[in-house]
Amino acid sequence: MTSKCFAWLLAIALLASSVTVLAQAQKTLMLIPSTSEGFGYESVVPEGWTDVGNGIFARQRDAADTTLIAQQSAPLPADALLVSLLPQLGLSEPPASVGEHQGGSLTWTLYRVDVPFGSGSVAVDLALAAQNGVTYLVLVQTSPEEEATLHDALFLPALDAFAPLSAPEEPVPYHVEEVHVANGDVTLAGTLTLPATAGPHPAVVLVTGSGPQDRDETLGGGIAIKPFRLLADALTRAGVAVLRYDDRGVGQSTGDFASATIADFASDAEAAIHYLAGRDEIDPARIGLLGHSEGGLVAAMLGARHEGLAFIISLAGPGVSGRDVLRLQNRRVMEAEGASQEQIDAQLAFIDELMTHVNDPKAMEELIYQTTLDQAKLLPPEERAKLGDLEQYARSVARLSAEQTSSAWFASFLNYDPGPDWARTTVPVLGVFGGKDTQVDAAQNAPAMLESLLNGGNHDVEVVVLPEANHLFQRAMTGGPSEYTTLPPEFTPDLLPAIISWLDRHVTAPVLPAATPVAGTPVAATPPATVPIMATPVA
């Protein structure tokens, strides 16, 4: 699942302010083109600056140099993205705009903030621009003495050069149609891809993981892979119609994402299934659902009532409750990222206590505040200095985090156990897990899903683990989230053949190529005696 607060928080290092003579600041910057496939833009950056990842280039003149430029994007409204930045800006409420700037491709709203840091401050020029449901960000951070110079020499030229990348218009051997699906007062904007062959076709609805995602399941944070775009292309070429849509309140869909629960997302998916059933090109008896991560929870909910649902494909879908998923997820992610056992134990203790306050927002906020403050005080002096006023930083983090962890969605995630719904699911099910998935652990969830399905009497079930796959089904080394941005934007080679082979045997006519044996390791019906445990919901 992708965390509710996953990658939109800018990873900007607020380094100690250096005293730099004005003559150095006025040296001519040579700007060179820079393209980010992960964030979806082309712009410019200063020649010779260091790419430190996540769209950030740092000058690094010396160990105390604060100066950097960050250029990023997120499938969020501009006001939501701005709010997510408040802890790093040392603010408790959004700053007022200082004006607008018309760039070469976008109209930017400008902000100017002095961020308290140690005994001084750093100057931040920030610009946000929204287009087609995506908000783009350009930020330049430097010392107050250099702000005016770099504003003109770097910040404004970057805004002028910045342009969203447009998807290449390559011809495809199928039909592509923009559609709108009504679900009460919510309208889901999506893309329907139809095979070029004569219908009616089998069809599948794609349901995203947690966190605000568009119809391509764009994850942000510099992660280049767009899982649902790849799936839609492959499955449509294989003879299956595919409907994918922007989450409610994301991209071009209406509605409020922040107030939605898993049940709301299930309702949206159900509306998409009913929409397909009314299309002449679709066979209403062969409509299924493919859910990724939290989308697998939606699949379990709809499988239990299975009205108009012919099959389910669950990719990294949980088989146990959100509480169990969350705890083990935190352990697995921290292990993959190299945390010490002491740090892991402290985090798990925090998670355990956090879950006891799910119905008490004030207690939850106070717990997050105290934990954040305690952790900050344990940092080395140079790391503490990056956070500025620790009390203010901890309060800001706590307020924003508590808004999410006390949300209706978080409660619905923690309290929902898909096991009983999997046990009521009688349609054919394919469950696929990644052996290196640190977010929805295969050893915890695959056997649990299989046992629930078999105990309920469903024997048309196949559950496999792809050994090298991470949560996004990329070939991985550690499986940790920090690795996602370093991997090519493609699936591990065994995923698509596994799905297409299964579909060939269940819902497609001889349109599909001959079945390929399903890759991966089949899961035994009985779970192991010792089941690992899990962590922050991420896609």
Protein backbone atom coordinates (compact mmCIF):
# COMPACT_ATOMS: atom_id res chain seq x y z
CA MET A 1 0.00 0.00 0.00
CA THR A 2 1.30 3.47 -0.47
CA SER A 3 1.44 5.35 2.77
CA LYS A 4 -1.10 8.11 3.33
CA CYS A 5 1.81 10.43 3.90
CA PHE A 6 4.20 8.52 1.67
CA ALA A 7 6.42 10.49 -0.68
CA TRP A 8 4.93 13.96 -0.82
CA LEU A 9 6.92 15.27 2.14
CA LEU A 10 9.96 16.86 0.61
CA ALA A 11 13.25 15.32 1.71
CA ILE A 12 15.10 18.60 2.06
CA ALA A 13 18.14 18.77 4.30
CA LEU A 14 18.20 22.03 6.23
CA LEU A 15 21.92 22.24 6.66
CA ALA A 16 23.80 24.68 8.87
CA SER A 17 23.89 28.16 7.42
CA SER A 18 27.26 29.22 6.07
CA VAL A 19 28.63 32.74 5.98
CA THR A 20 29.31 33.32 2.32
CA VAL A 21 30.66 36.51 0.85
CA LEU A 22 28.42 38.18 -1.67
CA ALA A 23 31.04 37.91 -4.37
CA GLN A 24 30.77 34.10 -4.25
CA ALA A 25 26.99 34.22 -4.45
CA GLN A 26 27.15 36.38 -7.53
CA LYS A 27 29.25 33.97 -9.53
CA THR A 28 27.52 33.18 -12.80
CA LEU A 29 25.54 29.95 -12.68
CA MET A 30 25.68 27.71 -15.72
CA LEU A 31 22.28 26.06 -16.01
CA ILE A 32 21.99 22.75 -17.83
CA PRO A 33 18.91 20.73 -18.87
CA SER A 34 17.57 18.19 -16.38
CA THR A 35 14.81 15.63 -16.92
CA SER A 36 13.06 13.56 -14.24
CA GLU A 37 11.02 10.60 -15.47
CA GLY A 38 9.93 9.84 -11.90
CA PHE A 39 8.51 13.30 -11.22
CA GLY A 40 7.54 13.85 -14.86
CA TYR A 41 9.22 17.12 -15.83
CA GLU A 42 12.07 18.74 -17.72
CA SER A 43 13.82 21.81 -16.33
CA VAL A 44 17.30 23.15 -15.59
CA VAL A 45 19.79 22.75 -12.73
CA PRO A 46 23.16 24.39 -12.04
CA GLU A 47 26.11 22.66 -13.67
CA GLY A 48 28.35 20.95 -11.11
CA TRP A 49 25.74 20.67 -8.34
CA THR A 50 25.27 17.22 -6.78
CA ASP A 51 22.19 15.13 -7.49
CA VAL A 52 21.24 13.89 -4.00
CA GLY A 53 18.04 12.17 -5.16
CA ASN A 54 14.31 12.95 -4.94
CA GLY A 55 14.65 15.78 -7.46
CA ILE A 56 17.13 17.65 -5.25
CA PHE A 57 20.43 19.13 -6.42
CA ALA A 58 22.73 20.52 -3.72
CA ARG A 59 25.60 22.96 -4.26
CA GLN A 60 27.72 21.45 -1.46
CA ARG A 61 30.39 24.14 -1.57
CA ASP A 62 31.41 22.96 1.90
CA ALA A 63 29.94 20.85 4.72
CA ALA A 64 27.87 23.80 5.96
CA ASP A 65 26.42 24.91 2.62
CA THR A 66 22.59 25.12 2.75
CA THR A 67 22.00 25.87 -0.91
CA LEU A 68 19.90 23.48 -3.00
CA ILE A 69 17.17 23.33 -5.59
CA ALA A 70 14.31 20.83 -5.38
CA GLN A 71 11.89 20.12 -8.23
CA GLN A 72 9.12 17.58 -7.67
CA SER A 73 5.50 16.70 -8.40
CA ALA A 74 2.54 14.95 -6.72
CA PRO A 75 -0.97 13.97 -7.89
CA LEU A 76 -2.46 16.27 -5.24
CA PRO A 77 -4.15 19.67 -5.18
CA ALA A 78 -1.68 22.50 -4.57
CA ASP A 79 -3.14 23.37 -1.15
CA ALA A 80 -2.74 19.77 0.05
CA LEU A 81 0.87 19.63 -1.09
CA LEU A 82 1.62 22.96 0.58
CA VAL A 83 0.16 21.74 3.87
CA SER A 84 2.38 18.64 3.73
CA LEU A 85 5.45 20.90 3.63
CA LEU A 86 4.64 22.90 6.76
CA PRO A 87 6.85 20.95 9.22
CA GLN A 88 9.88 21.44 7.01
CA LEU A 89 9.08 25.11 6.58
CA GLY A 90 8.75 25.56 10.35
CA LEU A 91 5.16 26.77 9.98
CA SER A 92 1.89 25.89 11.66
CA GLU A 93 -0.28 27.24 8.83
CA PRO A 94 0.21 27.83 5.10
CA PRO A 95 2.09 31.02 4.19
CA ALA A 96 0.51 33.76 2.14
CA SER A 97 1.43 33.93 -1.52
CA VAL A 98 3.79 36.71 -2.58
CA GLY A 99 2.56 36.71 -6.18
CA GLU A 100 2.50 34.76 -9.42
CA HIS A 101 5.01 34.06 -12.18
CA GLN A 102 4.19 33.02 -15.72
CA GLY A 103 6.70 30.39 -16.74
CA GLY A 104 7.21 28.86 -20.14
CA SER A 105 4.56 26.16 -19.55
CA LEU A 106 2.90 26.81 -16.20
CA THR A 107 1.57 29.65 -14.07
CA TRP A 108 3.29 29.50 -10.69
CA THR A 109 2.06 30.68 -7.28
CA LEU A 110 5.04 32.04 -5.33
CA TYR A 111 5.92 31.87 -1.64
CA ARG A 112 8.85 33.24 0.36
CA VAL A 113 9.67 31.77 3.80
CA ASP A 114 12.51 32.24 6.29
CA VAL A 115 12.91 28.93 8.07
CA PRO A 116 14.30 29.14 11.63
CA PHE A 117 17.50 27.17 11.89
CA GLY A 118 19.78 27.07 14.89
CA SER A 119 20.56 30.64 15.85
CA GLY A 120 19.75 31.90 12.35
CA SER A 121 17.58 30.96 9.40
CA VAL A 122 17.59 29.75 5.82
CA ALA A 123 15.68 31.46 3.03
CA VAL A 124 13.26 29.45 0.92
CA ASP A 125 11.72 30.48 -2.39
CA LEU A 126 8.85 28.13 -3.25
CA ALA A 127 6.60 27.89 -6.29
CA LEU A 128 3.61 25.62 -6.94
CA ALA A 129 1.70 25.06 -10.18
CA ALA A 130 -1.13 22.62 -10.92
CA GLN A 131 -2.04 21.00 -14.22
CA ASN A 132 -4.24 17.99 -15.05
CA GLY A 133 -4.55 16.92 -11.44
CA VAL A 134 -0.80 17.11 -10.70
CA THR A 135 0.93 19.81 -8.64
CA TYR A 136 4.52 20.70 -9.53
CA LEU A 137 6.96 22.23 -7.07
CA VAL A 138 10.17 24.22 -7.44
CA LEU A 139 12.05 25.21 -4.29
CA VAL A 140 15.35 27.01 -3.84
CA GLN A 141 16.90 27.08 -0.37
CA THR A 142 19.94 29.17 0.54
CA SER A 143 21.28 31.63 3.08
CA PRO A 144 19.36 34.92 3.49
CA GLU A 145 22.41 36.76 2.09
CA GLU A 146 22.21 34.87 -1.21
CA GLU A 147 18.44 34.68 -1.62
CA ALA A 148 18.03 37.72 -3.88
CA THR A 149 20.85 36.65 -6.18
CA LEU A 150 19.70 33.04 -6.54
CA HIS A 151 16.10 34.13 -6.91
CA ASP A 152 17.03 35.84 -10.17
CA ALA A 153 19.85 33.52 -11.27
CA LEU A 154 18.25 30.13 -10.49
CA PHE A 155 14.70 30.20 -9.13
CA LEU A 156 13.04 32.22 -11.91
CA PRO A 157 15.00 30.54 -14.76
CA ALA A 158 13.93 27.13 -13.39
CA LEU A 159 10.28 28.25 -13.42
CA ASP A 160 10.66 29.48 -16.99
CA ALA A 161 12.30 26.24 -18.17
CA PHE A 162 10.05 23.86 -16.22
CA ALA A 163 7.69 21.81 -18.41
CA PRO A 164 5.69 18.67 -17.58
CA LEU A 165 6.66 15.66 -19.64
CA SER A 166 3.92 14.54 -21.98
CA ALA A 167 3.42 10.84 -22.57
CA PRO A 168 4.73 9.83 -25.98
CA GLU A 169 1.94 9.40 -28.49
CA GLU A 170 2.94 5.96 -29.70
CA PRO A 171 0.37 4.06 -31.77
CA VAL A 172 -1.18 1.16 -29.87
CA PRO A 173 -3.07 -1.83 -31.31
CA TYR A 174 -6.22 -1.12 -29.32
CA HIS A 175 -8.80 1.59 -28.69
CA VAL A 176 -8.33 4.20 -25.95
CA GLU A 177 -11.29 6.16 -24.56
CA GLU A 178 -11.57 8.74 -21.79
CA VAL A 179 -14.60 7.92 -19.63
CA HIS A 180 -16.46 9.19 -16.56
CA VAL A 181 -18.06 6.91 -13.97
CA ALA A 182 -20.75 8.29 -11.66
CA ASN A 183 -20.98 7.08 -8.06
CA GLY A 184 -23.45 9.25 -6.19
CA ASP A 185 -21.97 12.73 -5.93
CA VAL A 186 -18.52 11.49 -7.01
CA THR A 187 -17.43 11.32 -10.65
CA LEU A 188 -14.45 9.13 -11.42
CA ALA A 189 -12.40 10.15 -14.45
CA GLY A 190 -10.66 7.26 -16.12
CA THR A 191 -9.36 5.55 -19.22
CA LEU A 192 -10.96 2.54 -20.88
CA THR A 193 -8.78 0.52 -23.24
CA LEU A 194 -10.57 -1.89 -25.58
CA PRO A 195 -9.01 -4.67 -27.68
CA ALA A 196 -9.18 -4.08 -31.42
CA THR A 197 -10.82 -7.47 -31.96
CA ALA A 198 -14.58 -7.93 -32.05
CA GLY A 199 -16.28 -7.98 -28.69
CA PRO A 200 -17.89 -8.43 -26.33
CA HIS A 201 -14.64 -8.60 -24.35
CA PRO A 202 -13.76 -9.77 -20.87
CA ALA A 203 -12.82 -6.78 -18.74
CA VAL A 204 -11.01 -5.88 -15.56
CA VAL A 205 -11.22 -2.86 -13.25
CA LEU A 206 -7.92 -1.76 -11.69
CA VAL A 207 -8.01 -0.54 -8.07
CA THR A 208 -5.04 1.36 -6.61
CA GLY A 209 -3.25 0.98 -3.30
CA SER A 210 -3.47 3.41 -0.39
CA GLY A 211 -2.60 7.05 -0.79
CA PRO A 212 -3.80 9.46 -3.47
CA GLN A 213 -3.03 7.96 -6.87
CA ASP A 214 -4.08 8.63 -10.41
CA ARG A 215 -5.29 6.12 -13.01
CA ASP A 216 -1.70 5.05 -13.81
CA GLU A 217 -1.05 4.44 -10.09
CA THR A 218 1.56 7.19 -10.14
CA LEU A 219 3.34 6.96 -6.79
CA GLY A 220 5.36 10.19 -6.77
CA GLY A 221 8.51 10.68 -4.76
CA GLY A 222 10.66 10.14 -7.84
CA ILE A 223 9.35 6.60 -8.43
CA ALA A 224 9.31 6.19 -12.19
CA ILE A 225 7.21 3.04 -12.57
CA LYS A 226 3.50 3.51 -13.32
CA PRO A 227 2.12 0.06 -12.56
CA PHE A 228 -1.40 0.51 -13.88
CA ARG A 229 -0.28 1.99 -17.17
CA LEU A 230 1.90 -1.08 -17.73
CA LEU A 231 -0.88 -3.48 -16.68
CA ALA A 232 -3.50 -1.80 -18.86
CA ASP A 233 -1.26 -1.93 -21.91
CA ALA A 234 -0.28 -5.59 -21.47
CA LEU A 235 -3.76 -6.88 -20.65
CA THR A 236 -5.48 -4.98 -23.45
CA ARG A 237 -2.95 -6.31 -25.95
CA ALA A 238 -3.82 -9.76 -24.57
CA GLY A 239 -7.52 -9.33 -25.32
CA VAL A 240 -8.91 -7.97 -22.03
CA ALA A 241 -10.58 -4.56 -21.76
CA VAL A 242 -9.20 -2.48 -18.88
CA LEU A 243 -10.79 0.37 -16.92
CA ARG A 244 -8.50 2.40 -14.68
CA TYR A 245 -9.44 5.67 -12.98
CA ASP A 246 -8.12 8.48 -10.80
CA ASP A 247 -8.92 7.97 -7.12
CA ARG A 248 -11.75 10.17 -5.86
CA GLY A 249 -10.41 13.67 -5.23
CA VAL A 250 -7.25 12.94 -7.26
CA GLY A 251 -6.36 13.95 -10.80
CA GLN A 252 -9.56 14.68 -12.72
CA SER A 253 -11.92 12.79 -10.40
CA THR A 254 -14.21 14.69 -8.06
CA GLY A 255 -14.83 13.97 -4.38
CA ASP A 256 -12.80 14.24 -1.19
CA PHE A 257 -9.97 11.73 -0.90
CA ALA A 258 -9.01 12.74 2.65
CA SER A 259 -12.38 11.81 4.17
CA ALA A 260 -12.81 8.52 2.29
CA THR A 261 -12.61 5.04 3.85
CA ILE A 262 -11.78 1.68 2.31
CA ALA A 263 -15.53 1.07 2.02
CA ASP A 264 -15.82 4.26 -0.07
CA PHE A 265 -13.07 3.05 -2.40
CA ALA A 266 -14.90 -0.29 -2.67
CA SER A 267 -18.06 1.61 -3.61
CA ASP A 268 -16.11 3.42 -6.34
CA ALA A 269 -14.81 0.11 -7.73
CA GLU A 270 -18.32 -1.32 -7.67
CA ALA A 271 -19.56 1.66 -9.66
CA ALA A 272 -16.81 1.03 -12.22
CA ILE A 273 -17.92 -2.62 -12.55
CA HIS A 274 -21.53 -1.56 -13.12
CA TYR A 275 -20.38 1.00 -15.69
CA LEU A 276 -18.56 -1.70 -17.67
CA ALA A 277 -21.59 -4.00 -17.51
CA GLY A 278 -23.57 -1.35 -19.39
CA ARG A 279 -21.10 -1.13 -22.28
CA ASP A 280 -21.96 -3.04 -25.47
CA GLU A 281 -18.28 -3.90 -26.03
CA ILE A 282 -18.04 -5.70 -22.66
CA ASP A 283 -19.30 -9.15 -21.70
CA PRO A 284 -21.07 -8.50 -18.36
CA ALA A 285 -20.49 -12.13 -17.29
CA ARG A 286 -16.70 -11.74 -17.54
CA ILE A 287 -15.90 -8.59 -15.55
CA GLY A 288 -13.27 -8.89 -12.85
CA LEU A 289 -11.21 -6.76 -10.50
CA LEU A 290 -7.46 -6.38 -10.10
CA GLY A 291 -6.47 -4.70 -6.85
CA HIS A 292 -2.97 -3.71 -5.79
CA SER A 293 -2.15 -3.61 -2.08
CA GLU A 294 -5.07 -1.77 -0.44
CA GLY A 295 -6.86 -2.50 -3.71
CA GLY A 296 -6.65 -6.13 -2.58
CA LEU A 297 -8.74 -5.20 0.47
CA VAL A 298 -11.31 -3.70 -1.90
CA ALA A 299 -11.22 -6.97 -3.86
CA ALA A 300 -11.98 -8.96 -0.69
CA MET A 301 -14.91 -6.67 0.17
CA LEU A 302 -16.43 -7.01 -3.30
CA GLY A 303 -15.59 -10.71 -3.54
CA ALA A 304 -17.70 -11.35 -0.46
CA ARG A 305 -20.78 -9.98 -2.20
CA HIS A 306 -19.60 -10.74 -5.78
CA GLU A 307 -22.54 -9.15 -7.58
CA GLY A 308 -21.46 -8.82 -11.20
CA LEU A 309 -17.89 -9.87 -10.35
CA ALA A 310 -16.51 -12.85 -12.32
CA PHE A 311 -12.92 -13.07 -11.01
CA ILE A 312 -10.35 -11.40 -8.76
CA ILE A 313 -6.62 -10.76 -9.15
CA SER A 314 -4.96 -9.51 -5.97
CA LEU A 315 -1.43 -8.10 -6.24
CA ALA A 316 0.18 -7.78 -2.78
CA GLY A 317 -3.26 -7.70 -1.19
CA PRO A 318 -3.38 -8.26 2.59
CA GLY A 319 -4.68 -11.51 4.00
CA VAL A 320 -4.66 -10.29 7.62
CA SER A 321 -5.93 -7.24 9.50
CA GLY A 322 -4.49 -3.77 9.01
CA ARG A 323 -3.12 -3.85 12.55
CA ASP A 324 -1.04 -6.92 11.76
CA VAL A 325 0.01 -5.52 8.39
CA LEU A 326 1.08 -2.21 9.92
CA ARG A 327 3.24 -3.72 12.63
CA LEU A 328 5.18 -6.13 10.43
CA GLN A 329 5.45 -3.54 7.68
CA ASN A 330 7.28 -1.20 10.04
CA ARG A 331 9.67 -3.97 11.08
CA ARG A 332 10.38 -5.15 7.52
CA VAL A 333 10.84 -1.64 6.11
CA MET A 334 13.18 -0.60 8.93
CA GLU A 335 15.22 -3.79 8.56
CA ALA A 336 15.57 -3.17 4.82
CA GLU A 337 16.64 0.43 5.46
CA GLY A 338 19.37 -0.64 7.91
CA ALA A 339 17.81 0.43 11.23
CA SER A 340 19.25 -0.95 14.46
CA GLN A 341 17.30 -3.39 16.61
CA GLU A 342 16.96 -0.67 19.25
CA GLN A 343 15.38 1.67 16.69
CA ILE A 344 13.07 -1.07 15.45
CA ASP A 345 11.94 -1.97 18.98
CA ALA A 346 11.25 1.70 19.75
CA GLN A 347 9.23 2.10 16.55
CA LEU A 348 7.16 -1.01 17.21
CA ALA A 349 6.44 0.15 20.75
CA PHE A 350 5.30 3.48 19.29
CA ILE A 351 3.07 1.71 16.73
CA ASP A 352 1.50 -0.45 19.43
CA GLU A 353 0.67 2.57 21.57
CA LEU A 354 -0.51 4.58 18.55
CA MET A 355 -3.08 1.93 17.71
CA THR A 356 -4.57 2.18 21.20
CA HIS A 357 -5.38 5.87 20.56
CA VAL A 358 -7.10 5.45 17.19
CA ASN A 359 -10.35 6.86 18.65
CA ASP A 360 -8.66 9.62 20.67
CA PRO A 361 -7.13 12.23 18.31
CA LYS A 362 -5.77 14.41 21.12
CA ALA A 363 -3.96 11.53 22.78
CA MET A 364 -2.66 10.41 19.40
CA GLU A 365 -1.30 13.87 18.60
CA GLU A 366 0.38 14.12 22.00
CA LEU A 367 1.98 10.69 21.54
CA ILE A 368 3.32 11.65 18.11
CA TYR A 369 4.58 14.96 19.46
CA GLN A 370 6.43 13.40 22.38
CA THR A 371 7.89 10.60 20.25
CA THR A 372 9.06 13.02 17.57
CA LEU A 373 10.61 15.31 20.16
CA ASP A 374 12.36 12.43 21.97
CA GLN A 375 13.77 11.07 18.71
CA ALA A 376 14.95 14.53 17.64
CA LYS A 377 16.78 15.06 20.93
CA LEU A 378 18.73 11.82 20.37
CA LEU A 379 20.11 13.03 17.04
CA PRO A 380 23.73 14.22 16.79
CA PRO A 381 24.04 18.01 17.21
CA GLU A 382 24.52 18.63 13.49
CA GLU A 383 21.39 16.61 12.67
CA ARG A 384 19.34 18.33 15.36
CA ALA A 385 20.35 21.69 13.92
CA LYS A 386 18.71 20.76 10.60
CA LEU A 387 15.30 20.69 12.30
CA GLY A 388 15.45 24.20 13.74
CA ASP A 389 13.29 24.73 16.83
CA LEU A 390 12.65 21.16 18.03
CA GLU A 391 9.46 21.99 19.93
CA GLN A 392 7.96 23.75 16.94
CA TYR A 393 9.08 21.00 14.56
CA ALA A 394 7.61 18.24 16.74
CA ARG A 395 4.31 20.11 17.16
CA SER A 396 3.99 20.65 13.41
CA VAL A 397 4.78 17.01 12.62
CA ALA A 398 2.34 15.81 15.28
CA ARG A 399 -0.49 18.02 14.08
CA LEU A 400 -0.20 16.92 10.46
CA SER A 401 0.41 13.26 11.28
CA ALA A 402 -2.49 13.14 13.71
CA GLU A 403 -4.82 14.49 11.02
CA GLN A 404 -4.06 11.38 8.99
CA THR A 405 -3.77 8.77 11.72
CA SER A 406 -7.03 9.92 13.32
CA SER A 407 -8.83 9.89 9.98
CA ALA A 408 -11.73 7.61 9.14
CA TRP A 409 -9.51 5.89 6.58
CA PHE A 410 -6.83 4.95 9.12
CA ALA A 411 -9.41 3.48 11.47
CA SER A 412 -10.99 1.53 8.60
CA PHE A 413 -7.58 0.20 7.61
CA LEU A 414 -6.60 -0.89 11.12
CA ASN A 415 -9.91 -2.52 11.93
CA TYR A 416 -10.63 -4.34 8.69
CA ASP A 417 -9.70 -8.02 8.59
CA PRO A 418 -10.14 -9.34 5.03
CA GLY A 419 -10.10 -12.98 6.16
CA PRO A 420 -13.87 -13.39 6.63
CA ASP A 421 -14.54 -11.68 3.29
CA TRP A 422 -11.99 -13.87 1.50
CA ALA A 423 -13.79 -16.87 3.06
CA ARG A 424 -17.08 -15.69 1.47
CA THR A 425 -15.47 -15.20 -1.95
CA THR A 426 -16.50 -17.91 -4.40
CA VAL A 427 -15.28 -16.45 -7.73
CA PRO A 428 -11.87 -17.55 -9.10
CA VAL A 429 -8.96 -15.79 -7.37
CA LEU A 430 -5.33 -15.26 -8.32
CA GLY A 431 -3.17 -13.88 -5.51
CA VAL A 432 0.36 -12.72 -6.36
CA PHE A 433 2.95 -11.61 -3.79
CA GLY A 434 6.53 -10.35 -3.95
CA GLY A 435 9.13 -12.36 -2.08
CA LYS A 436 11.00 -9.13 -1.28
CA ASP A 437 7.93 -7.05 -0.45
CA THR A 438 8.57 -5.21 2.82
CA GLN A 439 5.15 -3.55 2.90
CA VAL A 440 2.78 -6.50 2.53
CA ASP A 441 4.92 -9.38 3.67
CA ALA A 442 4.39 -12.54 1.60
CA ALA A 443 5.06 -14.95 4.48
CA GLN A 444 2.41 -13.24 6.57
CA ASN A 445 -0.28 -12.60 3.98
CA ALA A 446 -0.12 -15.23 1.23
CA PRO A 447 -0.84 -18.26 3.47
CA ALA A 448 -3.52 -16.36 5.36
CA MET A 449 -5.31 -15.39 2.14
CA LEU A 450 -5.12 -18.93 0.78
CA GLU A 451 -6.34 -20.53 4.02
CA SER A 452 -9.35 -18.16 4.19
CA LEU A 453 -10.32 -18.88 0.59
CA LEU A 454 -9.99 -22.67 0.95
CA ASN A 455 -11.76 -22.77 4.31
CA GLY A 456 -14.66 -20.94 2.68
CA GLY A 457 -14.93 -23.65 0.04
CA ASN A 458 -13.32 -21.81 -2.88
CA HIS A 459 -11.08 -24.26 -4.72
CA ASP A 460 -10.51 -22.18 -7.86
CA VAL A 461 -7.65 -20.36 -6.16
CA GLU A 462 -4.03 -19.83 -7.12
CA VAL A 463 -1.60 -18.00 -4.81
CA VAL A 464 2.04 -17.58 -5.85
CA VAL A 465 5.08 -15.69 -4.61
CA LEU A 466 7.47 -14.12 -7.14
CA PRO A 467 10.79 -14.44 -5.29
CA GLU A 468 12.62 -11.33 -6.57
CA ALA A 469 9.67 -8.91 -6.61
CA ASN A 470 9.16 -5.96 -4.28
CA HIS A 471 5.84 -4.32 -3.39
CA LEU A 472 5.63 -2.70 -6.84
CA PHE A 473 6.61 -5.99 -8.51
CA GLN A 474 9.96 -4.69 -9.66
CA ARG A 475 13.03 -6.92 -9.48
CA ALA A 476 14.56 -5.78 -6.18
CA MET A 477 17.63 -6.19 -4.04
CA THR A 478 16.37 -5.23 -0.56
CA GLY A 479 12.69 -4.51 -1.21
CA GLY A 480 12.92 -1.32 0.90
CA PRO A 481 10.91 1.75 -0.22
CA SER A 482 14.08 3.85 -0.62
CA GLU A 483 15.10 1.45 -3.40
CA TYR A 484 12.00 2.16 -5.51
CA THR A 485 13.46 5.29 -7.10
CA THR A 486 16.61 3.45 -8.19
CA LEU A 487 14.87 0.69 -10.13
CA PRO A 488 13.88 0.74 -13.81
CA PRO A 489 10.20 1.48 -14.52
CA GLU A 490 9.30 -2.10 -15.39
CA PHE A 491 7.88 -5.19 -13.76
CA THR A 492 9.87 -8.25 -12.85
CA PRO A 493 9.68 -10.51 -15.94
CA ASP A 494 7.45 -13.14 -14.31
CA LEU A 495 4.51 -10.92 -13.30
CA LEU A 496 2.68 -10.28 -16.58
CA PRO A 497 3.03 -13.87 -17.87
CA ALA A 498 1.58 -15.12 -14.58
CA ILE A 499 -1.46 -12.85 -14.87
CA ILE A 500 -2.05 -13.43 -18.58
CA SER A 501 -1.68 -17.19 -18.24
CA TRP A 502 -4.24 -17.27 -15.45
CA LEU A 503 -6.67 -15.08 -17.40
CA ASP A 504 -6.22 -17.32 -20.43
CA ARG A 505 -7.36 -20.30 -18.38
CA HIS A 506 -10.27 -18.52 -16.71
CA VAL A 507 -11.99 -15.76 -18.66
CA THR A 508 -10.59 -15.23 -22.15
CA ALA A 509 -11.40 -16.90 -25.40
CA PRO A 510 -8.59 -18.16 -27.65
CA VAL A 511 -7.76 -14.51 -28.28
CA LEU A 512 -4.92 -14.80 -25.79
CA PRO A 513 -1.59 -16.42 -26.58
CA ALA A 514 -1.04 -19.98 -25.40
CA ALA A 515 -0.90 -20.28 -21.63
CA THR A 516 2.49 -19.86 -20.02
CA PRO A 517 3.15 -21.75 -16.79
CA VAL A 518 2.69 -19.43 -13.82
CA ALA A 519 6.08 -18.29 -12.55
CA GLY A 520 6.88 -18.11 -8.88
CA THR A 521 6.49 -20.31 -5.85
CA PRO A 522 3.05 -21.80 -5.11
CA VAL A 523 1.89 -21.21 -1.55
CA ALA A 524 0.93 -24.15 0.64
CA ALA A 525 -2.61 -24.24 1.97
CA THR A 526 -1.50 -24.35 5.62
CA PRO A 527 0.34 -21.28 6.92
CA PRO A 528 3.67 -21.77 8.69
CA ALA A 529 3.53 -22.34 12.44
CA THR A 530 5.35 -19.09 13.16
CA VAL A 531 3.88 -16.19 11.20
CA PRO A 532 5.90 -12.95 10.99
CA ILE A 533 4.27 -9.73 12.15
CA MET A 534 3.87 -5.90 10.21
CA ALA A 535 3.89 -1.47 9.69
CA THR A 536 2.96 2.52 7.88
CA PRO A 537 0.43 1.62 5.16
CA VAL A 538 2.17 2.09 1.80
CA ALA A 539 0.67 1.31 -1.66
